[in-house]
Amino acid sequence: MTDPSSTPPAARPETAAETTAESGGALSEDAVVRLRLVIARLNRQMAQAASGKDLTFAQLSALARVEQYGPLRLGELAARERVAVPSMIRTVGPLTAAGLVAKTPDPLDGRSQLLELTAAGLDAITRIRRERSALLAHRSGRLTPRQCRDLEAAIPVLELLLDEPEPTAPVADTATGTSSDAGTAG
């Protein structure tokens, strides 16, 4: 049996990991599993440590999107969250009932409503973020200075894992009553 490392690279079949690594990099299967578990466990621990436990992940995410992009229509929110409109209706219902999100008439289309964060919604999401950040700050206190620097250096890399193009929201053409995708030509 021949040692694969002694075979010239051109004559040796490439593994999927080698091909991926050359074309853009990839984590080992073990690293993917470990990273997924760390992210999931930290997220669960932060959720357990913060108030707002009565809000689902989907509701918290919708609150954050409304804060970031609002006021916006329900369909736009559904597109940004990548869920169907009926799912978003079920997500937003409890938020409006709790007074965290308000529905206001759309000035461009009286038949539609815009969703926007209320003062109570802003207070809730700010408090939850503060409590979750406090947990992470407390946990980072047990790291060495070098580990803190390494973790800080990893943040931009981790942020790249989040980057996925946002769907473009349809833009209403008030003259024709039709909608088109923003950002597409023709």
C-alpha atoms as a PDB file:
ATOM      1  CA  MET A   1       0.000   0.000   0.000  1.00  0.00           C
ATOM      2  CA  THR A   2       1.398   3.398  -0.935  1.00  0.00           C
ATOM      3  CA  ASP A   3       1.586   6.335   1.423  1.00  0.00           C
ATOM      4  CA  PRO A   4      -0.751   9.021  -0.016  1.00  0.00           C
ATOM      5  CA  SER A   5       1.601  11.775   1.126  1.00  0.00           C
ATOM      6  CA  SER A   6       4.360  10.325  -1.066  1.00  0.00           C
ATOM      7  CA  THR A   7       2.168  10.456  -4.172  1.00  0.00           C
ATOM      8  CA  PRO A   8       2.616  13.693  -6.128  1.00  0.00           C
ATOM      9  CA  PRO A   9      -0.369  16.007  -5.614  1.00  0.00           C
ATOM     10  CA  ALA A  10      -1.293  15.924  -9.311  1.00  0.00           C
ATOM     11  CA  ALA A  11      -1.530  12.112  -9.295  1.00  0.00           C
ATOM     12  CA  ARG A  12      -3.442  11.826  -6.017  1.00  0.00           C
ATOM     13  CA  PRO A  13      -7.264  12.066  -5.996  1.00  0.00           C
ATOM     14  CA  GLU A  14      -8.488  15.101  -4.065  1.00  0.00           C
ATOM     15  CA  THR A  15     -10.775  14.705  -1.112  1.00  0.00           C
ATOM     16  CA  ALA A  16     -13.882  16.869  -0.834  1.00  0.00           C
ATOM     17  CA  ALA A  17     -12.293  18.712   2.083  1.00  0.00           C
ATOM     18  CA  GLU A  18      -9.155  19.482   0.056  1.00  0.00           C
ATOM     19  CA  THR A  19     -11.184  20.728  -2.894  1.00  0.00           C
ATOM     20  CA  THR A  20     -13.335  22.906  -0.641  1.00  0.00           C
ATOM     21  CA  ALA A  21     -10.304  24.189   1.272  1.00  0.00           C
ATOM     22  CA  GLU A  22      -8.602  25.255  -1.943  1.00  0.00           C
ATOM     23  CA  SER A  23     -11.722  26.958  -3.273  1.00  0.00           C
ATOM     24  CA  GLY A  24     -12.613  28.857  -0.140  1.00  0.00           C
ATOM     25  CA  GLY A  25     -11.964  26.892   3.001  1.00  0.00           C
ATOM     26  CA  ALA A  26     -13.955  24.594   5.172  1.00  0.00           C
ATOM     27  CA  LEU A  27     -14.039  23.445   8.752  1.00  0.00           C
ATOM     28  CA  SER A  28     -13.466  19.847   9.659  1.00  0.00           C
ATOM     29  CA  GLU A  29     -16.580  17.854  10.505  1.00  0.00           C
ATOM     30  CA  ASP A  30     -15.517  17.815  14.159  1.00  0.00           C
ATOM     31  CA  ALA A  31     -15.043  21.591  14.205  1.00  0.00           C
ATOM     32  CA  VAL A  32     -18.475  22.129  12.622  1.00  0.00           C
ATOM     33  CA  VAL A  33     -20.114  19.963  15.281  1.00  0.00           C
ATOM     34  CA  ARG A  34     -18.245  21.685  18.118  1.00  0.00           C
ATOM     35  CA  LEU A  35     -19.021  25.176  16.778  1.00  0.00           C
ATOM     36  CA  ARG A  36     -22.707  24.322  16.343  1.00  0.00           C
ATOM     37  CA  LEU A  37     -22.932  22.971  19.882  1.00  0.00           C
ATOM     38  CA  VAL A  38     -21.155  25.976  21.398  1.00  0.00           C
ATOM     39  CA  ILE A  39     -23.392  28.426  19.555  1.00  0.00           C
ATOM     40  CA  ALA A  40     -26.560  26.501  20.437  1.00  0.00           C
ATOM     41  CA  ARG A  41     -25.631  26.118  24.100  1.00  0.00           C
ATOM     42  CA  LEU A  42     -24.576  29.740  24.519  1.00  0.00           C
ATOM     43  CA  ASN A  43     -27.755  30.893  22.819  1.00  0.00           C
ATOM     44  CA  ARG A  44     -29.896  28.682  25.056  1.00  0.00           C
ATOM     45  CA  GLN A  45     -28.066  29.842  28.196  1.00  0.00           C
ATOM     46  CA  MET A  46     -28.461  33.492  27.213  1.00  0.00           C
ATOM     47  CA  ALA A  47     -32.158  32.947  26.523  1.00  0.00           C
ATOM     48  CA  GLN A  48     -32.591  31.301  29.925  1.00  0.00           C
ATOM     49  CA  ALA A  49     -30.702  34.075  31.707  1.00  0.00           C
ATOM     50  CA  ALA A  50     -32.690  36.935  30.174  1.00  0.00           C
ATOM     51  CA  SER A  51     -36.170  38.203  30.829  1.00  0.00           C
ATOM     52  CA  GLY A  52     -38.598  37.873  27.989  1.00  0.00           C
ATOM     53  CA  LYS A  53     -38.761  34.102  28.392  1.00  0.00           C
ATOM     54  CA  ASP A  54     -42.399  34.315  27.384  1.00  0.00           C
ATOM     55  CA  LEU A  55     -41.291  35.415  23.901  1.00  0.00           C
ATOM     56  CA  THR A  56     -40.360  32.780  21.346  1.00  0.00           C
ATOM     57  CA  PHE A  57     -37.206  32.928  19.265  1.00  0.00           C
ATOM     58  CA  ALA A  58     -39.339  33.889  16.251  1.00  0.00           C
ATOM     59  CA  GLN A  59     -40.988  36.717  18.197  1.00  0.00           C
ATOM     60  CA  LEU A  60     -37.653  38.088  19.414  1.00  0.00           C
ATOM     61  CA  SER A  61     -36.278  37.901  15.901  1.00  0.00           C
ATOM     62  CA  ALA A  62     -39.344  39.706  14.523  1.00  0.00           C
ATOM     63  CA  LEU A  63     -38.973  42.422  17.182  1.00  0.00           C
ATOM     64  CA  ALA A  64     -35.337  42.910  16.198  1.00  0.00           C
ATOM     65  CA  ARG A  65     -36.215  43.110  12.486  1.00  0.00           C
ATOM     66  CA  VAL A  66     -38.993  45.616  13.115  1.00  0.00           C
ATOM     67  CA  GLU A  67     -36.550  47.683  15.150  1.00  0.00           C
ATOM     68  CA  GLN A  68     -33.907  47.448  12.437  1.00  0.00           C
ATOM     69  CA  TYR A  69     -36.068  47.984   9.343  1.00  0.00           C
ATOM     70  CA  GLY A  70     -39.393  49.343  10.611  1.00  0.00           C
ATOM     71  CA  PRO A  71     -41.888  50.570  10.048  1.00  0.00           C
ATOM     72  CA  LEU A  72     -42.577  47.848   7.512  1.00  0.00           C
ATOM     73  CA  ARG A  73     -45.435  45.788   6.142  1.00  0.00           C
ATOM     74  CA  LEU A  74     -46.155  42.305   7.387  1.00  0.00           C
ATOM     75  CA  GLY A  75     -45.149  40.821   4.022  1.00  0.00           C
ATOM     76  CA  GLU A  76     -41.832  42.650   4.118  1.00  0.00           C
ATOM     77  CA  LEU A  77     -41.169  41.351   7.626  1.00  0.00           C
ATOM     78  CA  ALA A  78     -42.048  37.818   6.537  1.00  0.00           C
ATOM     79  CA  ALA A  79     -39.628  38.114   3.598  1.00  0.00           C
ATOM     80  CA  ARG A  80     -36.832  39.395   5.828  1.00  0.00           C
ATOM     81  CA  GLU A  81     -37.443  36.547   8.283  1.00  0.00           C
ATOM     82  CA  ARG A  82     -37.752  34.102   5.385  1.00  0.00           C
ATOM     83  CA  VAL A  83     -41.083  32.715   6.501  1.00  0.00           C
ATOM     84  CA  ALA A  84     -44.559  32.634   4.979  1.00  0.00           C
ATOM     85  CA  VAL A  85     -46.951  35.489   5.718  1.00  0.00           C
ATOM     86  CA  PRO A  86     -49.371  33.228   7.658  1.00  0.00           C
ATOM     87  CA  SER A  87     -46.491  32.205   9.946  1.00  0.00           C
ATOM     88  CA  MET A  88     -45.587  35.840  10.487  1.00  0.00           C
ATOM     89  CA  ILE A  89     -49.218  36.663  11.313  1.00  0.00           C
ATOM     90  CA  ARG A  90     -49.046  34.046  14.102  1.00  0.00           C
ATOM     91  CA  THR A  91     -45.707  35.465  15.284  1.00  0.00           C
ATOM     92  CA  VAL A  92     -46.779  39.112  15.314  1.00  0.00           C
ATOM     93  CA  GLY A  93     -50.215  38.564  16.873  1.00  0.00           C
ATOM     94  CA  PRO A  94     -48.937  38.060  20.431  1.00  0.00           C
ATOM     95  CA  LEU A  95     -46.476  40.952  19.990  1.00  0.00           C
ATOM     96  CA  THR A  96     -49.274  43.368  19.131  1.00  0.00           C
ATOM     97  CA  ALA A  97     -51.482  41.943  21.902  1.00  0.00           C
ATOM     98  CA  ALA A  98     -48.644  42.513  24.383  1.00  0.00           C
ATOM     99  CA  GLY A  99     -48.201  46.089  23.161  1.00  0.00           C
ATOM    100  CA  LEU A 100     -44.661  45.475  21.864  1.00  0.00           C
ATOM    101  CA  VAL A 101     -45.507  46.144  18.212  1.00  0.00           C
ATOM    102  CA  ALA A 102     -48.077  48.588  16.867  1.00  0.00           C
ATOM    103  CA  LYS A 103     -49.936  48.448  13.572  1.00  0.00           C
ATOM    104  CA  THR A 104     -50.412  51.797  11.863  1.00  0.00           C
ATOM    105  CA  PRO A 105     -52.052  52.627   8.535  1.00  0.00           C
ATOM    106  CA  ASP A 106     -49.653  52.646   5.587  1.00  0.00           C
ATOM    107  CA  PRO A 107     -49.661  56.225   4.231  1.00  0.00           C
ATOM    108  CA  LEU A 108     -49.020  54.893   0.694  1.00  0.00           C
ATOM    109  CA  ASP A 109     -51.787  52.282   0.802  1.00  0.00           C
ATOM    110  CA  GLY A 110     -54.691  52.731   3.185  1.00  0.00           C
ATOM    111  CA  ARG A 111     -55.555  49.028   2.874  1.00  0.00           C
ATOM    112  CA  SER A 112     -52.192  48.001   4.356  1.00  0.00           C
ATOM    113  CA  GLN A 113     -50.695  48.406   7.785  1.00  0.00           C
ATOM    114  CA  LEU A 114     -47.161  49.064   8.909  1.00  0.00           C
ATOM    115  CA  LEU A 115     -45.579  47.373  11.891  1.00  0.00           C
ATOM    116  CA  GLU A 116     -43.457  49.445  14.215  1.00  0.00           C
ATOM    117  CA  LEU A 117     -41.910  48.938  17.614  1.00  0.00           C
ATOM    118  CA  THR A 118     -43.668  50.576  20.530  1.00  0.00           C
ATOM    119  CA  ALA A 119     -41.799  52.109  23.451  1.00  0.00           C
ATOM    120  CA  ALA A 120     -42.568  48.927  25.412  1.00  0.00           C
ATOM    121  CA  GLY A 121     -41.179  46.815  22.547  1.00  0.00           C
ATOM    122  CA  LEU A 122     -38.000  48.864  22.431  1.00  0.00           C
ATOM    123  CA  ASP A 123     -37.648  48.609  26.221  1.00  0.00           C
ATOM    124  CA  ALA A 124     -38.148  44.830  26.095  1.00  0.00           C
ATOM    125  CA  ILE A 125     -35.612  44.159  23.356  1.00  0.00           C
ATOM    126  CA  THR A 126     -33.086  46.554  24.925  1.00  0.00           C
ATOM    127  CA  ARG A 127     -33.454  44.852  28.317  1.00  0.00           C
ATOM    128  CA  ILE A 128     -33.103  41.356  26.831  1.00  0.00           C
ATOM    129  CA  ARG A 129     -29.971  42.368  24.905  1.00  0.00           C
ATOM    130  CA  ARG A 130     -28.493  43.978  28.022  1.00  0.00           C
ATOM    131  CA  GLU A 131     -29.135  40.857  30.116  1.00  0.00           C
ATOM    132  CA  ARG A 132     -27.700  38.532  27.478  1.00  0.00           C
ATOM    133  CA  SER A 133     -24.655  40.751  27.052  1.00  0.00           C
ATOM    134  CA  ALA A 134     -24.135  40.755  30.811  1.00  0.00           C
ATOM    135  CA  LEU A 135     -24.036  36.942  30.776  1.00  0.00           C
ATOM    136  CA  LEU A 136     -21.387  36.928  28.059  1.00  0.00           C
ATOM    137  CA  ALA A 137     -19.382  39.658  29.794  1.00  0.00           C
ATOM    138  CA  HIS A 138     -19.469  37.678  33.042  1.00  0.00           C
ATOM    139  CA  ARG A 139     -18.396  34.477  31.271  1.00  0.00           C
ATOM    140  CA  SER A 140     -15.566  36.253  29.461  1.00  0.00           C
ATOM    141  CA  GLY A 141     -14.230  37.361  32.840  1.00  0.00           C
ATOM    142  CA  ARG A 142     -12.886  33.867  33.411  1.00  0.00           C
ATOM    143  CA  LEU A 143     -10.841  33.920  30.186  1.00  0.00           C
ATOM    144  CA  THR A 144      -7.199  34.879  30.049  1.00  0.00           C
ATOM    145  CA  PRO A 145      -6.253  38.135  28.296  1.00  0.00           C
ATOM    146  CA  ARG A 146      -4.902  36.074  25.379  1.00  0.00           C
ATOM    147  CA  GLN A 147      -8.158  34.100  25.121  1.00  0.00           C
ATOM    148  CA  CYS A 148     -10.128  37.361  25.126  1.00  0.00           C
ATOM    149  CA  ARG A 149      -7.987  38.713  22.285  1.00  0.00           C
ATOM    150  CA  ASP A 150      -8.424  35.463  20.339  1.00  0.00           C
ATOM    151  CA  LEU A 151     -12.176  35.574  20.857  1.00  0.00           C
ATOM    152  CA  GLU A 152     -12.332  39.227  19.772  1.00  0.00           C
ATOM    153  CA  ALA A 153     -10.298  38.361  16.675  1.00  0.00           C
ATOM    154  CA  ALA A 154     -12.768  35.565  15.835  1.00  0.00           C
ATOM    155  CA  ILE A 155     -15.819  37.846  15.901  1.00  0.00           C
ATOM    156  CA  PRO A 156     -15.430  39.184  12.319  1.00  0.00           C
ATOM    157  CA  VAL A 157     -14.970  35.613  11.085  1.00  0.00           C
ATOM    158  CA  LEU A 158     -18.094  34.461  12.910  1.00  0.00           C
ATOM    159  CA  GLU A 159     -19.985  37.440  11.484  1.00  0.00           C
ATOM    160  CA  LEU A 160     -19.120  36.203   7.993  1.00  0.00           C
ATOM    161  CA  LEU A 161     -21.154  33.078   8.779  1.00  0.00           C
ATOM    162  CA  LEU A 162     -24.193  35.336   9.270  1.00  0.00           C
ATOM    163  CA  ASP A 163     -23.778  37.181   6.014  1.00  0.00           C
ATOM    164  CA  GLU A 164     -26.328  36.009   3.545  1.00  0.00           C
ATOM    165  CA  PRO A 165     -27.941  38.405   1.127  1.00  0.00           C
ATOM    166  CA  GLU A 166     -31.140  39.878   2.491  1.00  0.00           C
ATOM    167  CA  PRO A 167     -34.144  39.296   0.280  1.00  0.00           C
ATOM    168  CA  THR A 168     -35.236  42.439  -1.437  1.00  0.00           C
ATOM    169  CA  ALA A 169     -38.659  43.659  -0.440  1.00  0.00           C
ATOM    170  CA  PRO A 170     -41.133  44.252  -3.250  1.00  0.00           C
ATOM    171  CA  VAL A 171     -41.570  47.919  -4.055  1.00  0.00           C
ATOM    172  CA  ALA A 172     -45.107  48.989  -4.847  1.00  0.00           C
ATOM    173  CA  ASP A 173     -45.612  50.923  -8.047  1.00  0.00           C
ATOM    174  CA  THR A 174     -48.371  53.315  -7.061  1.00  0.00           C
ATOM    175  CA  ALA A 175     -49.052  54.280 -10.690  1.00  0.00           C
ATOM    176  CA  THR A 176     -49.818  50.735 -11.877  1.00  0.00           C
ATOM    177  CA  GLY A 177     -50.716  49.059  -8.584  1.00  0.00           C
ATOM    178  CA  THR A 178     -48.126  46.347  -9.199  1.00  0.00           C
ATOM    179  CA  SER A 179     -45.046  45.469  -7.257  1.00  0.00           C
ATOM    180  CA  SER A 180     -41.527  44.710  -8.378  1.00  0.00           C
ATOM    181  CA  ASP A 181     -38.396  43.547  -6.653  1.00  0.00           C
ATOM    182  CA  ALA A 182     -36.143  46.374  -5.584  1.00  0.00           C
ATOM    183  CA  GLY A 183     -32.668  45.977  -6.905  1.00  0.00           C
ATOM    184  CA  THR A 184     -33.561  44.092 -10.088  1.00  0.00           C
ATOM    185  CA  ALA A 185     -33.162  45.643 -13.456  1.00  0.00           C
ATOM    186  CA  GLY A 186     -35.888  45.798 -16.057  1.00  0.00           C
END
